[in-house]
Amino acid sequence: MAKHAAAALLIASLLVAVALAGAADARRPLRAKITVNRNAIGARHVVKPLKETDAAVPSLTCSKVHGVQEGETCFSVAQGSGLTQDDFLGFNPNINCAKVFIGQWVCLAATPSA
């Protein structure tokens, strides 16, 4: 049994060494700009380096709203308003489509803020 524990410890040590050796080349350059994105459930763990060509996203002001009715989903509201799902999510960046509730206000049109 002691041999199994020693073998498991050796394998774990080798895996850590391989992971550290591979990560040495993958380090982000000092002073790299990063941006944090939200995934579909709102978790803030997706990080990507900013490219120099990335343009700033303008702030939007909602110009048309809709109160969610019984049986509606993000997709049905977007489709009923003539929006693509991407446009709808762009107007509502903090929405969690899995938890839309009756009476929730969603934005259907927006204009750039001054």
PDB file of N, CA and C in Angstrom:
ATOM      1  N   MET A   1       0.817  -1.186   0.000  1.00  0.00           N
ATOM      2  CA  MET A   1       0.000   0.000   0.000  1.00  0.00           C
ATOM      3  C   MET A   1       0.866   1.255   0.000  1.00  0.00           C
ATOM      4  N   ALA A   2       1.989   1.205   0.692  1.00  0.00           N
ATOM      5  CA  ALA A   2       2.900   2.346   0.720  1.00  0.00           C
ATOM      6  C   ALA A   2       3.457   2.611  -0.666  1.00  0.00           C
ATOM      7  N   LYS A   3       3.637   1.529  -1.464  1.00  0.00           N
ATOM      8  CA  LYS A   3       4.153   1.700  -2.821  1.00  0.00           C
ATOM      9  C   LYS A   3       3.133   2.441  -3.689  1.00  0.00           C
ATOM     10  N   HIS A   4       1.843   2.172  -3.489  1.00  0.00           N
ATOM     11  CA  HIS A   4       0.800   2.853  -4.262  1.00  0.00           C
ATOM     12  C   HIS A   4       0.777   4.345  -3.941  1.00  0.00           C
ATOM     13  N   ALA A   5       0.927   4.671  -2.661  1.00  0.00           N
ATOM     14  CA  ALA A   5       0.920   6.075  -2.254  1.00  0.00           C
ATOM     15  C   ALA A   5       2.131   6.802  -2.822  1.00  0.00           C
ATOM     16  N   ALA A   6       3.288   6.134  -2.792  1.00  0.00           N
ATOM     17  CA  ALA A   6       4.499   6.744  -3.336  1.00  0.00           C
ATOM     18  C   ALA A   6       4.377   6.932  -4.842  1.00  0.00           C
ATOM     19  N   ALA A   7       3.790   5.957  -5.533  1.00  0.00           N
ATOM     20  CA  ALA A   7       3.604   6.062  -6.982  1.00  0.00           C
ATOM     21  C   ALA A   7       2.633   7.189  -7.316  1.00  0.00           C
ATOM     22  N   ALA A   8       1.562   7.309  -6.553  1.00  0.00           N
ATOM     23  CA  ALA A   8       0.587   8.379  -6.791  1.00  0.00           C
ATOM     24  C   ALA A   8       1.213   9.745  -6.562  1.00  0.00           C
ATOM     25  N   LEU A   9       2.038   9.863  -5.530  1.00  0.00           N
ATOM     26  CA  LEU A   9       2.723  11.121  -5.250  1.00  0.00           C
ATOM     27  C   LEU A   9       3.705  11.466  -6.360  1.00  0.00           C
ATOM     28  N   LEU A  10       4.413  10.476  -6.879  1.00  0.00           N
ATOM     29  CA  LEU A  10       5.358  10.694  -7.970  1.00  0.00           C
ATOM     30  C   LEU A  10       4.629  11.154  -9.230  1.00  0.00           C
ATOM     31  N   ILE A  11       3.520  10.511  -9.551  1.00  0.00           N
ATOM     32  CA  ILE A  11       2.743  10.887 -10.739  1.00  0.00           C
ATOM     33  C   ILE A  11       2.202  12.305 -10.589  1.00  0.00           C
ATOM     34  N   ALA A  12       1.689  12.641  -9.412  1.00  0.00           N
ATOM     35  CA  ALA A  12       1.168  13.990  -9.182  1.00  0.00           C
ATOM     36  C   ALA A  12       2.272  15.029  -9.326  1.00  0.00           C
ATOM     37  N   SER A  13       3.459  14.725  -8.807  1.00  0.00           N
ATOM     38  CA  SER A  13       4.592  15.648  -8.920  1.00  0.00           C
ATOM     39  C   SER A  13       4.992  15.850 -10.373  1.00  0.00           C
ATOM     40  N   LEU A  14       4.992  14.764 -11.149  1.00  0.00           N
ATOM     41  CA  LEU A  14       5.334  14.874 -12.570  1.00  0.00           C
ATOM     42  C   LEU A  14       4.308  15.715 -13.323  1.00  0.00           C
ATOM     43  N   LEU A  15       3.031  15.529 -13.014  1.00  0.00           N
ATOM     44  CA  LEU A  15       1.987  16.321 -13.672  1.00  0.00           C
ATOM     45  C   LEU A  15       2.140  17.806 -13.364  1.00  0.00           C
ATOM     46  N   VAL A  16       2.459  18.132 -12.126  1.00  0.00           N
ATOM     47  CA  VAL A  16       2.671  19.532 -11.751  1.00  0.00           C
ATOM     48  C   VAL A  16       3.883  20.091 -12.481  1.00  0.00           C
ATOM     49  N   ALA A  17       4.963  19.320 -12.560  1.00  0.00           N
ATOM     50  CA  ALA A  17       6.172  19.782 -13.243  1.00  0.00           C
ATOM     51  C   ALA A  17       5.908  20.033 -14.723  1.00  0.00           C
ATOM     52  N   VAL A  18       5.166  19.142 -15.367  1.00  0.00           N
ATOM     53  CA  VAL A  18       4.842  19.312 -16.785  1.00  0.00           C
ATOM     54  C   VAL A  18       3.961  20.544 -16.981  1.00  0.00           C
ATOM     55  N   ALA A  19       2.988  20.731 -16.108  1.00  0.00           N
ATOM     56  CA  ALA A  19       2.096  21.889 -16.222  1.00  0.00           C
ATOM     57  C   ALA A  19       2.867  23.189 -16.043  1.00  0.00           C
ATOM     58  N   LEU A  20       3.775  23.227 -15.082  1.00  0.00           N
ATOM     59  CA  LEU A  20       4.566  24.435 -14.858  1.00  0.00           C
ATOM     60  C   LEU A  20       5.518  24.704 -16.012  1.00  0.00           C
ATOM     61  N   ALA A  21       6.101  23.673 -16.572  1.00  0.00           N
ATOM     62  CA  ALA A  21       7.018  23.850 -17.699  1.00  0.00           C
ATOM     63  C   ALA A  21       6.274  24.394 -18.914  1.00  0.00           C
ATOM     64  N   GLY A  22       5.065  23.908 -19.153  1.00  0.00           N
ATOM     65  CA  GLY A  22       4.273  24.385 -20.284  1.00  0.00           C
ATOM     66  C   GLY A  22       3.777  25.801 -20.072  1.00  0.00           C
ATOM     67  N   ALA A  23       3.532  26.182 -18.830  1.00  0.00           N
ATOM     68  CA  ALA A  23       3.007  27.515 -18.543  1.00  0.00           C
ATOM     69  C   ALA A  23       4.081  28.585 -18.621  1.00  0.00           C
ATOM     70  N   ALA A  24       5.344  28.203 -18.540  1.00  0.00           N
ATOM     71  CA  ALA A  24       6.418  29.192 -18.579  1.00  0.00           C
ATOM     72  C   ALA A  24       6.412  29.972 -19.881  1.00  0.00           C
ATOM     73  N   ASP A  25       6.094  29.322 -20.987  1.00  0.00           N
ATOM     74  CA  ASP A  25       6.074  29.999 -22.277  1.00  0.00           C
ATOM     75  C   ASP A  25       4.764  30.731 -22.522  1.00  0.00           C
ATOM     76  N   ALA A  26       3.737  30.426 -21.773  1.00  0.00           N
ATOM     77  CA  ALA A  26       2.410  30.984 -22.026  1.00  0.00           C
ATOM     78  C   ALA A  26       2.105  32.197 -21.158  1.00  0.00           C
ATOM     79  N   ARG A  27       3.099  32.731 -20.486  1.00  0.00           N
ATOM     80  CA  ARG A  27       2.853  33.881 -19.615  1.00  0.00           C
ATOM     81  C   ARG A  27       2.476  35.105 -20.431  1.00  0.00           C
ATOM     82  N   ARG A  28       1.585  35.906 -19.873  1.00  0.00           N
ATOM     83  CA  ARG A  28       1.154  37.140 -20.513  1.00  0.00           C
ATOM     84  C   ARG A  28       2.266  38.177 -20.353  1.00  0.00           C
ATOM     85  N   PRO A  29       2.532  38.965 -21.387  1.00  0.00           N
ATOM     86  CA  PRO A  29       3.562  39.989 -21.255  1.00  0.00           C
ATOM     87  C   PRO A  29       3.204  40.992 -20.154  1.00  0.00           C
ATOM     88  N   LEU A  30       4.211  41.552 -19.537  1.00  0.00           N
ATOM     89  CA  LEU A  30       4.019  42.540 -18.493  1.00  0.00           C
ATOM     90  C   LEU A  30       3.247  43.729 -19.048  1.00  0.00           C
ATOM     91  N   ARG A  31       2.319  44.264 -18.281  1.00  0.00           N
ATOM     92  CA  ARG A  31       1.475  45.396 -18.670  1.00  0.00           C
ATOM     93  C   ARG A  31       0.517  45.071 -19.808  1.00  0.00           C
ATOM     94  N   ALA A  32       0.174  43.818 -19.997  1.00  0.00           N
ATOM     95  CA  ALA A  32      -0.793  43.458 -21.038  1.00  0.00           C
ATOM     96  C   ALA A  32      -2.170  43.938 -20.605  1.00  0.00           C
ATOM     97  N   LYS A  33      -2.934  44.455 -21.551  1.00  0.00           N
ATOM     98  CA  LYS A  33      -4.297  44.903 -21.264  1.00  0.00           C
ATOM     99  C   LYS A  33      -5.222  43.703 -21.384  1.00  0.00           C
ATOM    100  N   ILE A  34      -6.135  43.572 -20.437  1.00  0.00           N
ATOM    101  CA  ILE A  34      -7.094  42.475 -20.492  1.00  0.00           C
ATOM    102  C   ILE A  34      -8.497  43.031 -20.344  1.00  0.00           C
ATOM    103  N   THR A  35      -9.454  42.247 -20.765  1.00  0.00           N
ATOM    104  CA  THR A  35     -10.860  42.594 -20.575  1.00  0.00           C
ATOM    105  C   THR A  35     -11.567  41.386 -19.994  1.00  0.00           C
ATOM    106  N   VAL A  36     -12.520  41.632 -19.129  1.00  0.00           N
ATOM    107  CA  VAL A  36     -13.280  40.554 -18.509  1.00  0.00           C
ATOM    108  C   VAL A  36     -14.657  40.520 -19.155  1.00  0.00           C
ATOM    109  N   ASN A  37     -15.044  39.362 -19.636  1.00  0.00           N
ATOM    110  CA  ASN A  37     -16.340  39.179 -20.282  1.00  0.00           C
ATOM    111  C   ASN A  37     -17.230  38.327 -19.405  1.00  0.00           C
ATOM    112  N   ARG A  38     -18.525  38.475 -19.597  1.00  0.00           N
ATOM    113  CA  ARG A  38     -19.481  37.641 -18.873  1.00  0.00           C
ATOM    114  C   ARG A  38     -19.954  36.532 -19.794  1.00  0.00           C
ATOM    115  N   ASN A  39     -20.026  35.331 -19.257  1.00  0.00           N
ATOM    116  CA  ASN A  39     -20.578  34.247 -20.065  1.00  0.00           C
ATOM    117  C   ASN A  39     -22.094  34.255 -19.939  1.00  0.00           C
ATOM    118  N   ALA A  40     -22.751  33.261 -20.495  1.00  0.00           N
ATOM    119  CA  ALA A  40     -24.213  33.253 -20.567  1.00  0.00           C
ATOM    120  C   ALA A  40     -24.893  33.284 -19.203  1.00  0.00           C
ATOM    121  N   ILE A  41     -24.213  32.821 -18.168  1.00  0.00           N
ATOM    122  CA  ILE A  41     -24.855  32.826 -16.854  1.00  0.00           C
ATOM    123  C   ILE A  41     -24.344  33.952 -15.968  1.00  0.00           C
ATOM    124  N   GLY A  42     -23.593  34.872 -16.529  1.00  0.00           N
ATOM    125  CA  GLY A  42     -23.169  36.041 -15.784  1.00  0.00           C
ATOM    126  C   GLY A  42     -21.873  35.887 -15.013  1.00  0.00           C
ATOM    127  N   ALA A  43     -21.230  34.736 -15.068  1.00  0.00           N
ATOM    128  CA  ALA A  43     -19.972  34.550 -14.359  1.00  0.00           C
ATOM    129  C   ALA A  43     -18.893  35.398 -15.010  1.00  0.00           C
ATOM    130  N   ARG A  44     -18.039  35.998 -14.200  1.00  0.00           N
ATOM    131  CA  ARG A  44     -17.006  36.877 -14.724  1.00  0.00           C
ATOM    132  C   ARG A  44     -15.652  36.190 -14.689  1.00  0.00           C
ATOM    133  N   HIS A  45     -15.457  35.183 -15.525  1.00  0.00           N
ATOM    134  CA  HIS A  45     -14.197  34.468 -15.483  1.00  0.00           C
ATOM    135  C   HIS A  45     -13.531  34.303 -16.838  1.00  0.00           C
ATOM    136  N   VAL A  46     -14.117  34.810 -17.884  1.00  0.00           N
ATOM    137  CA  VAL A  46     -13.529  34.682 -19.208  1.00  0.00           C
ATOM    138  C   VAL A  46     -12.647  35.894 -19.444  1.00  0.00           C
ATOM    139  N   VAL A  47     -11.350  35.688 -19.604  1.00  0.00           N
ATOM    140  CA  VAL A  47     -10.420  36.797 -19.769  1.00  0.00           C
ATOM    141  C   VAL A  47      -9.688  36.630 -21.078  1.00  0.00           C
ATOM    142  N   LYS A  48      -9.569  37.719 -21.845  1.00  0.00           N
ATOM    143  CA  LYS A  48      -8.822  37.669 -23.094  1.00  0.00           C
ATOM    144  C   LYS A  48      -7.984  38.929 -23.215  1.00  0.00           C
ATOM    145  N   PRO A  49      -6.819  38.842 -23.848  1.00  0.00           N
ATOM    146  CA  PRO A  49      -6.013  40.043 -24.041  1.00  0.00           C
ATOM    147  C   PRO A  49      -6.711  41.000 -25.003  1.00  0.00           C
ATOM    148  N   LEU A  50      -6.600  42.293 -24.728  1.00  0.00           N
ATOM    149  CA  LEU A  50      -7.148  43.298 -25.632  1.00  0.00           C
ATOM    150  C   LEU A  50      -6.209  43.501 -26.807  1.00  0.00           C
ATOM    151  N   LYS A  51      -6.757  43.587 -27.978  1.00  0.00           N
ATOM    152  CA  LYS A  51      -5.955  43.892 -29.151  1.00  0.00           C
ATOM    153  C   LYS A  51      -5.904  45.402 -29.294  1.00  0.00           C
ATOM    154  N   GLU A  52      -4.832  45.906 -29.867  1.00  0.00           N
ATOM    155  CA  GLU A  52      -4.711  47.342 -30.073  1.00  0.00           C
ATOM    156  C   GLU A  52      -5.787  47.859 -31.015  1.00  0.00           C
ATOM    157  N   THR A  53      -6.331  46.988 -31.879  1.00  0.00           N
ATOM    158  CA  THR A  53      -7.327  47.415 -32.857  1.00  0.00           C
ATOM    159  C   THR A  53      -8.742  47.393 -32.306  1.00  0.00           C
ATOM    160  N   ASP A  54      -8.938  46.882 -31.076  1.00  0.00           N
ATOM    161  CA  ASP A  54     -10.279  46.846 -30.492  1.00  0.00           C
ATOM    162  C   ASP A  54     -10.763  48.270 -30.239  1.00  0.00           C
ATOM    163  N   ALA A  55     -11.926  48.603 -30.774  1.00  0.00           N
ATOM    164  CA  ALA A  55     -12.501  49.930 -30.573  1.00  0.00           C
ATOM    165  C   ALA A  55     -13.324  49.931 -29.293  1.00  0.00           C
ATOM    166  N   ALA A  56     -13.418  51.077 -28.668  1.00  0.00           N
ATOM    167  CA  ALA A  56     -14.236  51.197 -27.468  1.00  0.00           C
ATOM    168  C   ALA A  56     -15.702  51.032 -27.847  1.00  0.00           C
ATOM    169  N   VAL A  57     -16.423  50.292 -27.039  1.00  0.00           N
ATOM    170  CA  VAL A  57     -17.851  50.086 -27.280  1.00  0.00           C
ATOM    171  C   VAL A  57     -18.589  51.290 -26.704  1.00  0.00           C
ATOM    172  N   PRO A  58     -19.400  51.979 -27.516  1.00  0.00           N
ATOM    173  CA  PRO A  58     -20.089  53.163 -27.002  1.00  0.00           C
ATOM    174  C   PRO A  58     -21.172  52.782 -25.996  1.00  0.00           C
ATOM    175  N   SER A  59     -21.408  53.662 -25.042  1.00  0.00           N
ATOM    176  CA  SER A  59     -22.505  53.454 -24.100  1.00  0.00           C
ATOM    177  C   SER A  59     -23.814  53.656 -24.841  1.00  0.00           C
ATOM    178  N   LEU A  60     -24.805  52.868 -24.486  1.00  0.00           N
ATOM    179  CA  LEU A  60     -26.102  52.959 -25.149  1.00  0.00           C
ATOM    180  C   LEU A  60     -27.167  53.437 -24.167  1.00  0.00           C
ATOM    181  N   THR A  61     -28.120  54.191 -24.685  1.00  0.00           N
ATOM    182  CA  THR A  61     -29.286  54.609 -23.922  1.00  0.00           C
ATOM    183  C   THR A  61     -30.499  53.938 -24.532  1.00  0.00           C
ATOM    184  N   CYS A  62     -31.247  53.224 -23.713  1.00  0.00           N
ATOM    185  CA  CYS A  62     -32.410  52.498 -24.211  1.00  0.00           C
ATOM    186  C   CYS A  62     -33.490  53.487 -24.638  1.00  0.00           C
ATOM    187  N   SER A  63     -34.013  53.296 -25.846  1.00  0.00           N
ATOM    188  CA  SER A  63     -35.047  54.201 -26.355  1.00  0.00           C
ATOM    189  C   SER A  63     -36.406  53.510 -26.524  1.00  0.00           C
ATOM    190  N   LYS A  64     -36.458  52.196 -26.333  1.00  0.00           N
ATOM    191  CA  LYS A  64     -37.723  51.463 -26.425  1.00  0.00           C
ATOM    192  C   LYS A  64     -37.640  50.268 -25.480  1.00  0.00           C
ATOM    193  N   VAL A  65     -38.605  50.157 -24.565  1.00  0.00           N
ATOM    194  CA  VAL A  65     -38.594  49.065 -23.591  1.00  0.00           C
ATOM    195  C   VAL A  65     -39.830  48.192 -23.755  1.00  0.00           C
ATOM    196  N   HIS A  66     -39.746  47.007 -23.160  1.00  0.00           N
ATOM    197  CA  HIS A  66     -40.850  46.050 -23.210  1.00  0.00           C
ATOM    198  C   HIS A  66     -40.889  45.316 -21.878  1.00  0.00           C
ATOM    199  N   GLY A  67     -42.082  45.165 -21.315  1.00  0.00           N
ATOM    200  CA  GLY A  67     -42.269  44.366 -20.107  1.00  0.00           C
ATOM    201  C   GLY A  67     -42.555  42.929 -20.503  1.00  0.00           C
ATOM    202  N   VAL A  68     -41.748  42.006 -20.019  1.00  0.00           N
ATOM    203  CA  VAL A  68     -41.889  40.593 -20.385  1.00  0.00           C
ATOM    204  C   VAL A  68     -43.238  40.072 -19.896  1.00  0.00           C
ATOM    205  N   GLN A  69     -43.944  39.374 -20.779  1.00  0.00           N
ATOM    206  CA  GLN A  69     -45.255  38.799 -20.480  1.00  0.00           C
ATOM    207  C   GLN A  69     -45.119  37.295 -20.227  1.00  0.00           C
ATOM    208  N   GLU A  70     -46.155  36.699 -19.684  1.00  0.00           N
ATOM    209  CA  GLU A  70     -46.156  35.262 -19.415  1.00  0.00           C
ATOM    210  C   GLU A  70     -45.891  34.482 -20.702  1.00  0.00           C
ATOM    211  N   GLY A  71     -44.997  33.518 -20.637  1.00  0.00           N
ATOM    212  CA  GLY A  71     -44.683  32.652 -21.774  1.00  0.00           C
ATOM    213  C   GLY A  71     -43.619  33.197 -22.713  1.00  0.00           C
ATOM    214  N   GLU A  72     -43.165  34.430 -22.492  1.00  0.00           N
ATOM    215  CA  GLU A  72     -42.150  35.005 -23.380  1.00  0.00           C
ATOM    216  C   GLU A  72     -40.748  34.598 -22.941  1.00  0.00           C
ATOM    217  N   THR A  73     -39.878  34.494 -23.915  1.00  0.00           N
ATOM    218  CA  THR A  73     -38.462  34.217 -23.683  1.00  0.00           C
ATOM    219  C   THR A  73     -37.657  35.319 -24.356  1.00  0.00           C
ATOM    220  N   CYS A  74     -36.356  35.346 -24.111  1.00  0.00           N
ATOM    221  CA  CYS A  74     -35.497  36.318 -24.799  1.00  0.00           C
ATOM    222  C   CYS A  74     -35.666  36.182 -26.304  1.00  0.00           C
ATOM    223  N   PHE A  75     -35.669  34.946 -26.775  1.00  0.00           N
ATOM    224  CA  PHE A  75     -35.763  34.707 -28.213  1.00  0.00           C
ATOM    225  C   PHE A  75     -37.098  35.182 -28.768  1.00  0.00           C
ATOM    226  N   SER A  76     -38.200  34.876 -28.082  1.00  0.00           N
ATOM    227  CA  SER A  76     -39.514  35.267 -28.611  1.00  0.00           C
ATOM    228  C   SER A  76     -39.695  36.782 -28.594  1.00  0.00           C
ATOM    229  N   VAL A  77     -39.180  37.452 -27.570  1.00  0.00           N
ATOM    230  CA  VAL A  77     -39.269  38.916 -27.517  1.00  0.00           C
ATOM    231  C   VAL A  77     -38.435  39.523 -28.640  1.00  0.00           C
ATOM    232  N   ALA A  78     -37.219  39.013 -28.823  1.00  0.00           N
ATOM    233  CA  ALA A  78     -36.354  39.527 -29.891  1.00  0.00           C
ATOM    234  C   ALA A  78     -36.999  39.306 -31.251  1.00  0.00           C
ATOM    235  N   GLN A  79     -37.479  38.103 -31.482  1.00  0.00           N
ATOM    236  CA  GLN A  79     -38.090  37.763 -32.771  1.00  0.00           C
ATOM    237  C   GLN A  79     -39.341  38.605 -33.015  1.00  0.00           C
ATOM    238  N   GLY A  80     -40.164  38.781 -32.007  1.00  0.00           N
ATOM    239  CA  GLY A  80     -41.379  39.573 -32.139  1.00  0.00           C
ATOM    240  C   GLY A  80     -41.115  41.050 -32.385  1.00  0.00           C
ATOM    241  N   SER A  81     -39.924  41.502 -32.028  1.00  0.00           N
ATOM    242  CA  SER A  81     -39.556  42.905 -32.229  1.00  0.00           C
ATOM    243  C   SER A  81     -38.725  43.111 -33.483  1.00  0.00           C
ATOM    244  N   GLY A  82     -38.472  42.023 -34.213  1.00  0.00           N
ATOM    245  CA  GLY A  82     -37.668  42.129 -35.428  1.00  0.00           C
ATOM    246  C   GLY A  82     -36.182  42.256 -35.167  1.00  0.00           C
ATOM    247  N   LEU A  83     -35.736  41.822 -33.998  1.00  0.00           N
ATOM    248  CA  LEU A  83     -34.315  41.885 -33.644  1.00  0.00           C
ATOM    249  C   LEU A  83     -33.676  40.515 -33.780  1.00  0.00           C
ATOM    250  N   THR A  84     -32.388  40.512 -34.063  1.00  0.00           N
ATOM    251  CA  THR A  84     -31.640  39.263 -33.977  1.00  0.00           C
ATOM    252  C   THR A  84     -31.346  39.013 -32.501  1.00  0.00           C
ATOM    253  N   GLN A  85     -31.014  37.798 -32.170  1.00  0.00           N
ATOM    254  CA  GLN A  85     -30.665  37.478 -30.784  1.00  0.00           C
ATOM    255  C   GLN A  85     -29.438  38.289 -30.354  1.00  0.00           C
ATOM    256  N   ASP A  86     -28.466  38.463 -31.258  1.00  0.00           N
ATOM    257  CA  ASP A  86     -27.268  39.243 -30.933  1.00  0.00           C
ATOM    258  C   ASP A  86     -27.609  40.700 -30.641  1.00  0.00           C
ATOM    259  N   ASP A  87     -28.499  41.300 -31.451  1.00  0.00           N
ATOM    260  CA  ASP A  87     -28.910  42.685 -31.197  1.00  0.00           C
ATOM    261  C   ASP A  87     -29.613  42.794 -29.846  1.00  0.00           C
ATOM    262  N   PHE A  88     -30.518  41.864 -29.576  1.00  0.00           N
ATOM    263  CA  PHE A  88     -31.254  41.870 -28.308  1.00  0.00           C
ATOM    264  C   PHE A  88     -30.287  41.791 -27.130  1.00  0.00           C
ATOM    265  N   LEU A  89     -29.324  40.879 -27.199  1.00  0.00           N
ATOM    266  CA  LEU A  89     -28.358  40.729 -26.108  1.00  0.00           C
ATOM    267  C   LEU A  89     -27.425  41.928 -26.024  1.00  0.00           C
ATOM    268  N   GLY A  90     -27.154  42.589 -27.159  1.00  0.00           N
ATOM    269  CA  GLY A  90     -26.349  43.808 -27.144  1.00  0.00           C
ATOM    270  C   GLY A  90     -27.062  44.949 -26.426  1.00  0.00           C
ATOM    271  N   PHE A  91     -28.384  45.027 -26.579  1.00  0.00           N
ATOM    272  CA  PHE A  91     -29.172  46.046 -25.894  1.00  0.00           C
ATOM    273  C   PHE A  91     -29.383  45.698 -24.422  1.00  0.00           C
ATOM    274  N   ASN A  92     -29.272  44.433 -24.078  1.00  0.00           N
ATOM    275  CA  ASN A  92     -29.513  43.933 -22.717  1.00  0.00           C
ATOM    276  C   ASN A  92     -28.319  43.100 -22.250  1.00  0.00           C
ATOM    277  N   PRO A  93     -27.139  43.711 -22.075  1.00  0.00           N
ATOM    278  CA  PRO A  93     -25.933  42.927 -21.793  1.00  0.00           C
ATOM    279  C   PRO A  93     -25.939  42.201 -20.453  1.00  0.00           C
ATOM    280  N   ASN A  94     -26.729  42.650 -19.508  1.00  0.00           N
ATOM    281  CA  ASN A  94     -26.734  42.025 -18.176  1.00  0.00           C
ATOM    282  C   ASN A  94     -27.889  41.065 -17.968  1.00  0.00           C
ATOM    283  N   ILE A  95     -28.618  40.748 -19.026  1.00  0.00           N
ATOM    284  CA  ILE A  95     -29.783  39.874 -18.883  1.00  0.00           C
ATOM    285  C   ILE A  95     -29.348  38.415 -18.777  1.00  0.00           C
ATOM    286  N   ASN A  96     -30.058  37.661 -17.954  1.00  0.00           N
ATOM    287  CA  ASN A  96     -29.842  36.223 -17.856  1.00  0.00           C
ATOM    288  C   ASN A  96     -31.070  35.570 -18.476  1.00  0.00           C
ATOM    289  N   CYS A  97     -30.950  35.139 -19.719  1.00  0.00           N
ATOM    290  CA  CYS A  97     -32.103  34.612 -20.457  1.00  0.00           C
ATOM    291  C   CYS A  97     -32.687  33.350 -19.829  1.00  0.00           C
ATOM    292  N   ALA A  98     -31.931  32.664 -18.991  1.00  0.00           N
ATOM    293  CA  ALA A  98     -32.451  31.476 -18.314  1.00  0.00           C
ATOM    294  C   ALA A  98     -33.366  31.859 -17.147  1.00  0.00           C
ATOM    295  N   LYS A  99     -33.321  33.138 -16.721  1.00  0.00           N
ATOM    296  CA  LYS A  99     -34.101  33.562 -15.554  1.00  0.00           C
ATOM    297  C   LYS A  99     -34.935  34.810 -15.839  1.00  0.00           C
ATOM    298  N   VAL A 100     -35.424  34.957 -17.071  1.00  0.00           N
ATOM    299  CA  VAL A 100     -36.291  36.089 -17.396  1.00  0.00           C
ATOM    300  C   VAL A 100     -37.614  35.901 -16.658  1.00  0.00           C
ATOM    301  N   PHE A 101     -38.147  36.977 -16.076  1.00  0.00           N
ATOM    302  CA  PHE A 101     -39.378  36.853 -15.300  1.00  0.00           C
ATOM    303  C   PHE A 101     -40.451  37.809 -15.812  1.00  0.00           C
ATOM    304  N   ILE A 102     -41.697  37.495 -15.510  1.00  0.00           N
ATOM    305  CA  ILE A 102     -42.835  38.315 -15.922  1.00  0.00           C
ATOM    306  C   ILE A 102     -42.684  39.704 -15.301  1.00  0.00           C
ATOM    307  N   GLY A 103     -42.837  40.722 -16.143  1.00  0.00           N
ATOM    308  CA  GLY A 103     -42.715  42.102 -15.680  1.00  0.00           C
ATOM    309  C   GLY A 103     -41.313  42.667 -15.790  1.00  0.00           C
ATOM    310  N   GLN A 104     -40.337  41.851 -16.141  1.00  0.00           N
ATOM    311  CA  GLN A 104     -38.966  42.338 -16.296  1.00  0.00           C
ATOM    312  C   GLN A 104     -38.904  43.263 -17.506  1.00  0.00           C
ATOM    313  N   TRP A 105     -38.266  44.417 -17.348  1.00  0.00           N
ATOM    314  CA  TRP A 105     -38.126  45.360 -18.446  1.00  0.00           C
ATOM    315  C   TRP A 105     -36.898  45.006 -19.262  1.00  0.00           C
ATOM    316  N   VAL A 106     -37.079  44.915 -20.576  1.00  0.00           N
ATOM    317  CA  VAL A 106     -35.967  44.657 -21.490  1.00  0.00           C
ATOM    318  C   VAL A 106     -35.926  45.773 -22.518  1.00  0.00           C
ATOM    319  N   CYS A 107     -34.754  46.032 -23.040  1.00  0.00           N
ATOM    320  CA  CYS A 107     -34.554  47.090 -24.023  1.00  0.00           C
ATOM    321  C   CYS A 107     -34.684  46.507 -25.431  1.00  0.00           C
ATOM    322  N   LEU A 108     -35.460  47.183 -26.284  1.00  0.00           N
ATOM    323  CA  LEU A 108     -35.660  46.717 -27.659  1.00  0.00           C
ATOM    324  C   LEU A 108     -35.017  47.633 -28.689  1.00  0.00           C
ATOM    325  N   ALA A 109     -34.600  48.816 -28.287  1.00  0.00           N
ATOM    326  CA  ALA A 109     -33.910  49.746 -29.178  1.00  0.00           C
ATOM    327  C   ALA A 109     -33.045  50.650 -28.312  1.00  0.00           C
ATOM    328  N   ALA A 110     -31.897  51.036 -28.841  1.00  0.00           N
ATOM    329  CA  ALA A 110     -30.990  51.887 -28.082  1.00  0.00           C
ATOM    330  C   ALA A 110     -30.238  52.809 -29.025  1.00  0.00           C
ATOM    331  N   THR A 111     -29.845  53.952 -28.485  1.00  0.00           N
ATOM    332  CA  THR A 111     -29.051  54.915 -29.238  1.00  0.00           C
ATOM    333  C   THR A 111     -27.773  55.181 -28.461  1.00  0.00           C
ATOM    334  N   PRO A 112     -26.684  55.541 -29.153  1.00  0.00           N
ATOM    335  CA  PRO A 112     -25.435  55.845 -28.444  1.00  0.00           C
ATOM    336  C   PRO A 112     -25.615  57.029 -27.497  1.00  0.00           C
ATOM    337  N   SER A 113     -25.063  56.909 -26.302  1.00  0.00           N
ATOM    338  CA  SER A 113     -25.123  58.003 -25.328  1.00  0.00           C
ATOM    339  C   SER A 113     -24.148  59.089 -25.734  1.00  0.00           C
ATOM    340  N   ALA A 114     -24.465  60.309 -25.351  1.00  0.00           N
ATOM    341  CA  ALA A 114     -23.586  61.441 -25.682  1.00  0.00           C
ATOM    342  C   ALA A 114     -22.390  61.469 -24.772  1.00  0.00           C
TER     343      ALA A 114
END
